[in-house]
Amino acid sequence: MNEELPRNLVLRLNAWEAGVLMGLIAEDERAKASLKPVFEQLLDMKRQIEKEAGVKKYLLPNGLIRVTDAMGNTIIRAPYEWEKLDLRR
């Protein structure tokens, strides 16, 4: 029973589940600190999916963002903290 645990574990999540997990981590300061590497992996995957879908984000003068995909679907909403950093790059 003294088996060593694997260093890396693989989780299988669909996009909705990954988004929920990101939201839960982002809302809890303790989780944000202890699960930072997990959050960063989820964020990298999200960015890649958005890039492949042709998603463009624009910061509007009122502080909201306009998110548009390659098909022209548009959403205007408040940005998440990590999006604020992305938009400043």
PDB file of N, CA and C in Angstrom:
ATOM      1  N   MET A   1       0.807  -1.195   0.000  1.00  0.00           N
ATOM      2  CA  MET A   1       0.000   0.000   0.000  1.00  0.00           C
ATOM      3  C   MET A   1       0.854   1.264   0.000  1.00  0.00           C
ATOM      4  N   ASN A   2       2.144   1.115  -0.191  1.00  0.00           N
ATOM      5  CA  ASN A   2       3.039   2.257  -0.208  1.00  0.00           C
ATOM      6  C   ASN A   2       3.332   2.702  -1.637  1.00  0.00           C
ATOM      7  N   GLU A   3       2.335   2.568  -2.509  1.00  0.00           N
ATOM      8  CA  GLU A   3       2.536   2.945  -3.899  1.00  0.00           C
ATOM      9  C   GLU A   3       2.617   4.463  -4.027  1.00  0.00           C
ATOM     10  N   GLU A   4       3.513   4.889  -4.894  1.00  0.00           N
ATOM     11  CA  GLU A   4       3.669   6.315  -5.133  1.00  0.00           C
ATOM     12  C   GLU A   4       2.572   6.800  -6.081  1.00  0.00           C
ATOM     13  N   LEU A   5       1.977   7.940  -5.751  1.00  0.00           N
ATOM     14  CA  LEU A   5       0.940   8.509  -6.601  1.00  0.00           C
ATOM     15  C   LEU A   5       1.568   9.131  -7.837  1.00  0.00           C
ATOM     16  N   PRO A   6       0.851   9.092  -8.963  1.00  0.00           N
ATOM     17  CA  PRO A   6       1.393   9.732 -10.161  1.00  0.00           C
ATOM     18  C   PRO A   6       1.509  11.238  -9.958  1.00  0.00           C
ATOM     19  N   ARG A   7       2.510  11.822 -10.588  1.00  0.00           N
ATOM     20  CA  ARG A   7       2.745  13.260 -10.441  1.00  0.00           C
ATOM     21  C   ARG A   7       1.715  14.081 -11.203  1.00  0.00           C
ATOM     22  N   ASN A   8       1.279  13.591 -12.337  1.00  0.00           N
ATOM     23  CA  ASN A   8       0.305  14.308 -13.148  1.00  0.00           C
ATOM     24  C   ASN A   8      -0.915  13.432 -13.365  1.00  0.00           C
ATOM     25  N   LEU A   9      -2.068  14.027 -13.214  1.00  0.00           N
ATOM     26  CA  LEU A   9      -3.320  13.331 -13.459  1.00  0.00           C
ATOM     27  C   LEU A   9      -4.006  13.997 -14.646  1.00  0.00           C
ATOM     28  N   VAL A  10      -4.761  13.218 -15.371  1.00  0.00           N
ATOM     29  CA  VAL A  10      -5.481  13.742 -16.535  1.00  0.00           C
ATOM     30  C   VAL A  10      -6.971  13.713 -16.214  1.00  0.00           C
ATOM     31  N   LEU A  11      -7.632  14.849 -16.421  1.00  0.00           N
ATOM     32  CA  LEU A  11      -9.080  14.928 -16.263  1.00  0.00           C
ATOM     33  C   LEU A  11      -9.700  15.059 -17.643  1.00  0.00           C
ATOM     34  N   ARG A  12     -10.844  14.476 -17.826  1.00  0.00           N
ATOM     35  CA  ARG A  12     -11.574  14.626 -19.082  1.00  0.00           C
ATOM     36  C   ARG A  12     -12.783  15.508 -18.802  1.00  0.00           C
ATOM     37  N   LEU A  13     -12.808  16.681 -19.434  1.00  0.00           N
ATOM     38  CA  LEU A  13     -13.879  17.646 -19.249  1.00  0.00           C
ATOM     39  C   LEU A  13     -14.402  18.076 -20.603  1.00  0.00           C
ATOM     40  N   ASN A  14     -15.699  18.347 -20.671  1.00  0.00           N
ATOM     41  CA  ASN A  14     -16.195  18.997 -21.882  1.00  0.00           C
ATOM     42  C   ASN A  14     -16.052  20.505 -21.688  1.00  0.00           C
ATOM     43  N   ALA A  15     -16.358  21.280 -22.710  1.00  0.00           N
ATOM     44  CA  ALA A  15     -16.153  22.734 -22.642  1.00  0.00           C
ATOM     45  C   ALA A  15     -16.966  23.369 -21.523  1.00  0.00           C
ATOM     46  N   TRP A  16     -18.188  22.917 -21.336  1.00  0.00           N
ATOM     47  CA  TRP A  16     -19.032  23.486 -20.281  1.00  0.00           C
ATOM     48  C   TRP A  16     -18.437  23.208 -18.906  1.00  0.00           C
ATOM     49  N   GLU A  17     -18.026  21.961 -18.667  1.00  0.00           N
ATOM     50  CA  GLU A  17     -17.440  21.594 -17.382  1.00  0.00           C
ATOM     51  C   GLU A  17     -16.149  22.371 -17.121  1.00  0.00           C
ATOM     52  N   ALA A  18     -15.333  22.549 -18.155  1.00  0.00           N
ATOM     53  CA  ALA A  18     -14.094  23.320 -18.002  1.00  0.00           C
ATOM     54  C   ALA A  18     -14.410  24.764 -17.636  1.00  0.00           C
ATOM     55  N   GLY A  19     -15.430  25.335 -18.268  1.00  0.00           N
ATOM     56  CA  GLY A  19     -15.839  26.704 -17.950  1.00  0.00           C
ATOM     57  C   GLY A  19     -16.337  26.843 -16.531  1.00  0.00           C
ATOM     58  N   VAL A  20     -17.106  25.875 -16.076  1.00  0.00           N
ATOM     59  CA  VAL A  20     -17.595  25.890 -14.693  1.00  0.00           C
ATOM     60  C   VAL A  20     -16.420  25.809 -13.728  1.00  0.00           C
ATOM     61  N   LEU A  21     -15.480  24.918 -14.005  1.00  0.00           N
ATOM     62  CA  LEU A  21     -14.302  24.783 -13.142  1.00  0.00           C
ATOM     63  C   LEU A  21     -13.492  26.072 -13.113  1.00  0.00           C
ATOM     64  N   MET A  22     -13.308  26.706 -14.274  1.00  0.00           N
ATOM     65  CA  MET A  22     -12.593  27.992 -14.322  1.00  0.00           C
ATOM     66  C   MET A  22     -13.294  29.031 -13.451  1.00  0.00           C
ATOM     67  N   GLY A  23     -14.620  29.098 -13.571  1.00  0.00           N
ATOM     68  CA  GLY A  23     -15.394  30.059 -12.789  1.00  0.00           C
ATOM     69  C   GLY A  23     -15.285  29.818 -11.307  1.00  0.00           C
ATOM     70  N   LEU A  24     -15.340  28.569 -10.898  1.00  0.00           N
ATOM     71  CA  LEU A  24     -15.228  28.246  -9.471  1.00  0.00           C
ATOM     72  C   LEU A  24     -13.856  28.612  -8.924  1.00  0.00           C
ATOM     73  N   ILE A  25     -12.829  28.308  -9.693  1.00  0.00           N
ATOM     74  CA  ILE A  25     -11.473  28.644  -9.255  1.00  0.00           C
ATOM     75  C   ILE A  25     -11.306  30.161  -9.182  1.00  0.00           C
ATOM     76  N   ALA A  26     -11.795  30.873 -10.180  1.00  0.00           N
ATOM     77  CA  ALA A  26     -11.622  32.326 -10.243  1.00  0.00           C
ATOM     78  C   ALA A  26     -12.342  33.049  -9.112  1.00  0.00           C
ATOM     79  N   GLU A  27     -13.430  32.484  -8.624  1.00  0.00           N
ATOM     80  CA  GLU A  27     -14.234  33.152  -7.595  1.00  0.00           C
ATOM     81  C   GLU A  27     -13.737  32.916  -6.173  1.00  0.00           C
ATOM     82  N   ASP A  28     -12.868  31.970  -5.974  1.00  0.00           N
ATOM     83  CA  ASP A  28     -12.430  31.613  -4.624  1.00  0.00           C
ATOM     84  C   ASP A  28     -10.932  31.886  -4.482  1.00  0.00           C
ATOM     85  N   GLU A  29     -10.575  32.794  -3.598  1.00  0.00           N
ATOM     86  CA  GLU A  29      -9.169  33.196  -3.446  1.00  0.00           C
ATOM     87  C   GLU A  29      -8.266  32.022  -3.036  1.00  0.00           C
ATOM     88  N   ARG A  30      -8.733  31.164  -2.149  1.00  0.00           N
ATOM     89  CA  ARG A  30      -7.908  30.006  -1.753  1.00  0.00           C
ATOM     90  C   ARG A  30      -7.721  29.053  -2.923  1.00  0.00           C
ATOM     91  N   ALA A  31      -8.805  28.810  -3.657  1.00  0.00           N
ATOM     92  CA  ALA A  31      -8.707  27.922  -4.821  1.00  0.00           C
ATOM     93  C   ALA A  31      -7.802  28.544  -5.873  1.00  0.00           C
ATOM     94  N   LYS A  32      -7.934  29.851  -6.069  1.00  0.00           N
ATOM     95  CA  LYS A  32      -7.121  30.537  -7.069  1.00  0.00           C
ATOM     96  C   LYS A  32      -5.638  30.366  -6.767  1.00  0.00           C
ATOM     97  N   ALA A  33      -5.276  30.450  -5.505  1.00  0.00           N
ATOM     98  CA  ALA A  33      -3.874  30.323  -5.119  1.00  0.00           C
ATOM     99  C   ALA A  33      -3.374  28.884  -5.267  1.00  0.00           C
ATOM    100  N   SER A  34      -4.155  27.937  -4.780  1.00  0.00           N
ATOM    101  CA  SER A  34      -3.678  26.553  -4.777  1.00  0.00           C
ATOM    102  C   SER A  34      -3.866  25.854  -6.123  1.00  0.00           C
ATOM    103  N   LEU A  35      -4.780  26.327  -6.951  1.00  0.00           N
ATOM    104  CA  LEU A  35      -5.036  25.683  -8.242  1.00  0.00           C
ATOM    105  C   LEU A  35      -4.582  26.536  -9.425  1.00  0.00           C
ATOM    106  N   LYS A  36      -3.639  27.427  -9.184  1.00  0.00           N
ATOM    107  CA  LYS A  36      -3.160  28.314 -10.244  1.00  0.00           C
ATOM    108  C   LYS A  36      -2.689  27.548 -11.486  1.00  0.00           C
ATOM    109  N   PRO A  37      -1.890  26.473 -11.344  1.00  0.00           N
ATOM    110  CA  PRO A  37      -1.457  25.747 -12.543  1.00  0.00           C
ATOM    111  C   PRO A  37      -2.631  25.137 -13.324  1.00  0.00           C
ATOM    112  N   VAL A  38      -3.644  24.665 -12.621  1.00  0.00           N
ATOM    113  CA  VAL A  38      -4.828  24.103 -13.280  1.00  0.00           C
ATOM    114  C   VAL A  38      -5.560  25.203 -14.036  1.00  0.00           C
ATOM    115  N   PHE A  39      -5.743  26.349 -13.377  1.00  0.00           N
ATOM    116  CA  PHE A  39      -6.427  27.478 -13.999  1.00  0.00           C
ATOM    117  C   PHE A  39      -5.687  27.929 -15.254  1.00  0.00           C
ATOM    118  N   GLU A  40      -4.372  28.000 -15.177  1.00  0.00           N
ATOM    119  CA  GLU A  40      -3.579  28.431 -16.330  1.00  0.00           C
ATOM    120  C   GLU A  40      -3.705  27.454 -17.500  1.00  0.00           C
ATOM    121  N   GLN A  41      -3.774  26.154 -17.200  1.00  0.00           N
ATOM    122  CA  GLN A  41      -3.972  25.162 -18.256  1.00  0.00           C
ATOM    123  C   GLN A  41      -5.339  25.332 -18.910  1.00  0.00           C
ATOM    124  N   LEU A  42      -6.366  25.537 -18.090  1.00  0.00           N
ATOM    125  CA  LEU A  42      -7.713  25.751 -18.623  1.00  0.00           C
ATOM    126  C   LEU A  42      -7.762  27.020 -19.468  1.00  0.00           C
ATOM    127  N   LEU A  43      -7.095  28.062 -18.999  1.00  0.00           N
ATOM    128  CA  LEU A  43      -7.069  29.329 -19.730  1.00  0.00           C
ATOM    129  C   LEU A  43      -6.352  29.180 -21.075  1.00  0.00           C
ATOM    130  N   ASP A  44      -5.257  28.448 -21.097  1.00  0.00           N
ATOM    131  CA  ASP A  44      -4.548  28.198 -22.356  1.00  0.00           C
ATOM    132  C   ASP A  44      -5.434  27.438 -23.343  1.00  0.00           C
ATOM    133  N   MET A  45      -6.175  26.445 -22.841  1.00  0.00           N
ATOM    134  CA  MET A  45      -7.079  25.690 -23.704  1.00  0.00           C
ATOM    135  C   MET A  45      -8.191  26.593 -24.232  1.00  0.00           C
ATOM    136  N   LYS A  46      -8.724  27.447 -23.379  1.00  0.00           N
ATOM    137  CA  LYS A  46      -9.793  28.370 -23.773  1.00  0.00           C
ATOM    138  C   LYS A  46      -9.293  29.310 -24.871  1.00  0.00           C
ATOM    139  N   ARG A  47      -8.106  29.840 -24.690  1.00  0.00           N
ATOM    140  CA  ARG A  47      -7.541  30.743 -25.705  1.00  0.00           C
ATOM    141  C   ARG A  47      -7.364  30.027 -27.040  1.00  0.00           C
ATOM    142  N   GLN A  48      -6.902  28.794 -27.000  1.00  0.00           N
ATOM    143  CA  GLN A  48      -6.699  28.030 -28.235  1.00  0.00           C
ATOM    144  C   GLN A  48      -8.027  27.764 -28.934  1.00  0.00           C
ATOM    145  N   ILE A  49      -9.041  27.385 -28.184  1.00  0.00           N
ATOM    146  CA  ILE A  49     -10.364  27.128 -28.763  1.00  0.00           C
ATOM    147  C   ILE A  49     -10.923  28.402 -29.381  1.00  0.00           C
ATOM    148  N   GLU A  50     -10.790  29.524 -28.672  1.00  0.00           N
ATOM    149  CA  GLU A  50     -11.276  30.801 -29.200  1.00  0.00           C
ATOM    150  C   GLU A  50     -10.536  31.189 -30.488  1.00  0.00           C
ATOM    151  N   LYS A  51      -9.237  30.952 -30.506  1.00  0.00           N
ATOM    152  CA  LYS A  51      -8.443  31.272 -31.696  1.00  0.00           C
ATOM    153  C   LYS A  51      -8.924  30.447 -32.887  1.00  0.00           C
ATOM    154  N   GLU A  52      -9.141  29.160 -32.672  1.00  0.00           N
ATOM    155  CA  GLU A  52      -9.600  28.269 -33.736  1.00  0.00           C
ATOM    156  C   GLU A  52     -11.002  28.643 -34.216  1.00  0.00           C
ATOM    157  N   ALA A  53     -11.826  29.211 -33.322  1.00  0.00           N
ATOM    158  CA  ALA A  53     -13.193  29.603 -33.676  1.00  0.00           C
ATOM    159  C   ALA A  53     -13.257  31.019 -34.247  1.00  0.00           C
ATOM    160  N   GLY A  54     -12.106  31.684 -34.347  1.00  0.00           N
ATOM    161  CA  GLY A  54     -12.077  33.029 -34.898  1.00  0.00           C
ATOM    162  C   GLY A  54     -12.686  34.077 -33.987  1.00  0.00           C
ATOM    163  N   VAL A  55     -12.609  33.859 -32.696  1.00  0.00           N
ATOM    164  CA  VAL A  55     -13.182  34.803 -31.730  1.00  0.00           C
ATOM    165  C   VAL A  55     -12.286  36.038 -31.621  1.00  0.00           C
ATOM    166  N   LYS A  56     -12.911  37.197 -31.684  1.00  0.00           N
ATOM    167  CA  LYS A  56     -12.218  38.473 -31.505  1.00  0.00           C
ATOM    168  C   LYS A  56     -12.858  39.193 -30.333  1.00  0.00           C
ATOM    169  N   LYS A  57     -12.023  39.830 -29.509  1.00  0.00           N
ATOM    170  CA  LYS A  57     -12.514  40.571 -28.351  1.00  0.00           C
ATOM    171  C   LYS A  57     -12.032  42.006 -28.436  1.00  0.00           C
ATOM    172  N   TYR A  58     -12.944  42.919 -28.165  1.00  0.00           N
ATOM    173  CA  TYR A  58     -12.629  44.343 -28.214  1.00  0.00           C
ATOM    174  C   TYR A  58     -13.088  44.995 -26.924  1.00  0.00           C
ATOM    175  N   LEU A  59     -12.227  45.800 -26.331  1.00  0.00           N
ATOM    176  CA  LEU A  59     -12.590  46.554 -25.134  1.00  0.00           C
ATOM    177  C   LEU A  59     -13.344  47.803 -25.568  1.00  0.00           C
ATOM    178  N   LEU A  60     -14.531  47.989 -25.035  1.00  0.00           N
ATOM    179  CA  LEU A  60     -15.359  49.141 -25.376  1.00  0.00           C
ATOM    180  C   LEU A  60     -15.073  50.293 -24.409  1.00  0.00           C
ATOM    181  N   PRO A  61     -15.360  51.515 -24.799  1.00  0.00           N
ATOM    182  CA  PRO A  61     -15.073  52.679 -23.948  1.00  0.00           C
ATOM    183  C   PRO A  61     -15.731  52.618 -22.561  1.00  0.00           C
ATOM    184  N   ASN A  62     -16.859  51.926 -22.451  1.00  0.00           N
ATOM    185  CA  ASN A  62     -17.553  51.844 -21.164  1.00  0.00           C
ATOM    186  C   ASN A  62     -17.026  50.720 -20.265  1.00  0.00           C
ATOM    187  N   GLY A  63     -15.943  50.049 -20.681  1.00  0.00           N
ATOM    188  CA  GLY A  63     -15.336  48.998 -19.863  1.00  0.00           C
ATOM    189  C   GLY A  63     -15.853  47.606 -20.171  1.00  0.00           C
ATOM    190  N   LEU A  64     -16.904  47.489 -20.957  1.00  0.00           N
ATOM    191  CA  LEU A  64     -17.411  46.181 -21.360  1.00  0.00           C
ATOM    192  C   LEU A  64     -16.569  45.674 -22.533  1.00  0.00           C
ATOM    193  N   ILE A  65     -16.739  44.397 -22.858  1.00  0.00           N
ATOM    194  CA  ILE A  65     -16.069  43.867 -24.039  1.00  0.00           C
ATOM    195  C   ILE A  65     -17.101  43.374 -25.037  1.00  0.00           C
ATOM    196  N   ARG A  66     -16.734  43.474 -26.312  1.00  0.00           N
ATOM    197  CA  ARG A  66     -17.543  42.918 -27.388  1.00  0.00           C
ATOM    198  C   ARG A  66     -16.802  41.679 -27.880  1.00  0.00           C
ATOM    199  N   VAL A  67     -17.479  40.547 -27.832  1.00  0.00           N
ATOM    200  CA  VAL A  67     -16.913  39.275 -28.259  1.00  0.00           C
ATOM    201  C   VAL A  67     -17.644  38.854 -29.528  1.00  0.00           C
ATOM    202  N   THR A  68     -16.887  38.639 -30.611  1.00  0.00           N
ATOM    203  CA  THR A  68     -17.480  38.270 -31.893  1.00  0.00           C
ATOM    204  C   THR A  68     -16.767  37.040 -32.430  1.00  0.00           C
ATOM    205  N   ASP A  69     -17.545  36.066 -32.906  1.00  0.00           N
ATOM    206  CA  ASP A  69     -16.926  34.880 -33.493  1.00  0.00           C
ATOM    207  C   ASP A  69     -16.888  35.004 -35.009  1.00  0.00           C
ATOM    208  N   ALA A  70     -16.326  34.003 -35.667  1.00  0.00           N
ATOM    209  CA  ALA A  70     -16.133  34.040 -37.118  1.00  0.00           C
ATOM    210  C   ALA A  70     -17.459  34.099 -37.874  1.00  0.00           C
ATOM    211  N   MET A  71     -18.552  33.650 -37.264  1.00  0.00           N
ATOM    212  CA  MET A  71     -19.858  33.669 -37.923  1.00  0.00           C
ATOM    213  C   MET A  71     -20.596  34.984 -37.681  1.00  0.00           C
ATOM    214  N   GLY A  72     -19.992  35.891 -36.906  1.00  0.00           N
ATOM    215  CA  GLY A  72     -20.608  37.181 -36.666  1.00  0.00           C
ATOM    216  C   GLY A  72     -21.467  37.253 -35.419  1.00  0.00           C
ATOM    217  N   ASN A  73     -21.571  36.168 -34.679  1.00  0.00           N
ATOM    218  CA  ASN A  73     -22.312  36.193 -33.416  1.00  0.00           C
ATOM    219  C   ASN A  73     -21.587  37.121 -32.453  1.00  0.00           C
ATOM    220  N   THR A  74     -22.316  38.011 -31.809  1.00  0.00           N
ATOM    221  CA  THR A  74     -21.698  39.010 -30.943  1.00  0.00           C
ATOM    222  C   THR A  74     -22.356  39.030 -29.578  1.00  0.00           C
ATOM    223  N   ILE A  75     -21.526  39.145 -28.551  1.00  0.00           N
ATOM    224  CA  ILE A  75     -21.982  39.278 -27.163  1.00  0.00           C
ATOM    225  C   ILE A  75     -21.246  40.471 -26.577  1.00  0.00           C
ATOM    226  N   ILE A  76     -21.955  41.284 -25.828  1.00  0.00           N
ATOM    227  CA  ILE A  76     -21.329  42.382 -25.092  1.00  0.00           C
ATOM    228  C   ILE A  76     -21.560  42.101 -23.615  1.00  0.00           C
ATOM    229  N   ARG A  77     -20.469  42.099 -22.854  1.00  0.00           N
ATOM    230  CA  ARG A  77     -20.549  41.761 -21.426  1.00  0.00           C
ATOM    231  C   ARG A  77     -19.360  42.331 -20.682  1.00  0.00           C
ATOM    232  N   ALA A  78     -19.412  42.216 -19.366  1.00  0.00           N
ATOM    233  CA  ALA A  78     -18.272  42.608 -18.542  1.00  0.00           C
ATOM    234  C   ALA A  78     -17.147  41.592 -18.738  1.00  0.00           C
ATOM    235  N   PRO A  79     -15.906  42.056 -18.798  1.00  0.00           N
ATOM    236  CA  PRO A  79     -14.787  41.119 -18.982  1.00  0.00           C
ATOM    237  C   PRO A  79     -14.433  40.394 -17.682  1.00  0.00           C
ATOM    238  N   TYR A  80     -13.932  39.192 -17.840  1.00  0.00           N
ATOM    239  CA  TYR A  80     -13.355  38.472 -16.710  1.00  0.00           C
ATOM    240  C   TYR A  80     -11.975  39.053 -16.437  1.00  0.00           C
ATOM    241  N   GLU A  81     -11.452  38.819 -15.261  1.00  0.00           N
ATOM    242  CA  GLU A  81     -10.148  39.385 -14.888  1.00  0.00           C
ATOM    243  C   GLU A  81      -9.056  39.007 -15.882  1.00  0.00           C
ATOM    244  N   TRP A  82      -9.003  37.747 -16.293  1.00  0.00           N
ATOM    245  CA  TRP A  82      -7.951  37.318 -17.214  1.00  0.00           C
ATOM    246  C   TRP A  82      -8.133  37.937 -18.600  1.00  0.00           C
ATOM    247  N   GLU A  83      -9.355  38.264 -18.983  1.00  0.00           N
ATOM    248  CA  GLU A  83      -9.572  38.910 -20.273  1.00  0.00           C
ATOM    249  C   GLU A  83      -9.062  40.345 -20.260  1.00  0.00           C
ATOM    250  N   LYS A  84      -9.167  41.000 -19.122  1.00  0.00           N
ATOM    251  CA  LYS A  84      -8.649  42.365 -19.004  1.00  0.00           C
ATOM    252  C   LYS A  84      -7.152  42.374 -19.301  1.00  0.00           C
ATOM    253  N   LEU A  85      -6.442  41.370 -18.787  1.00  0.00           N
ATOM    254  CA  LEU A  85      -5.008  41.272 -19.051  1.00  0.00           C
ATOM    255  C   LEU A  85      -4.731  40.979 -20.522  1.00  0.00           C
ATOM    256  N   ASP A  86      -5.509  40.080 -21.107  1.00  0.00           N
ATOM    257  CA  ASP A  86      -5.339  39.735 -22.525  1.00  0.00           C
ATOM    258  C   ASP A  86      -5.556  40.945 -23.428  1.00  0.00           C
ATOM    259  N   LEU A  87      -6.560  41.747 -23.102  1.00  0.00           N
ATOM    260  CA  LEU A  87      -6.901  42.892 -23.950  1.00  0.00           C
ATOM    261  C   LEU A  87      -5.871  44.001 -23.863  1.00  0.00           C
ATOM    262  N   ARG A  88      -5.082  44.018 -22.808  1.00  0.00           N
ATOM    263  CA  ARG A  88      -4.051  45.047 -22.657  1.00  0.00           C
ATOM    264  C   ARG A  88      -2.778  44.686 -23.389  1.00  0.00           C
ATOM    265  N   ARG A  89      -2.639  43.453 -23.825  1.00  0.00           N
ATOM    266  CA  ARG A  89      -1.416  42.993 -24.515  1.00  0.00           C
ATOM    267  C   ARG A  89      -1.348  43.533 -25.911  1.00  0.00           C
TER     268      ARG A  89
END
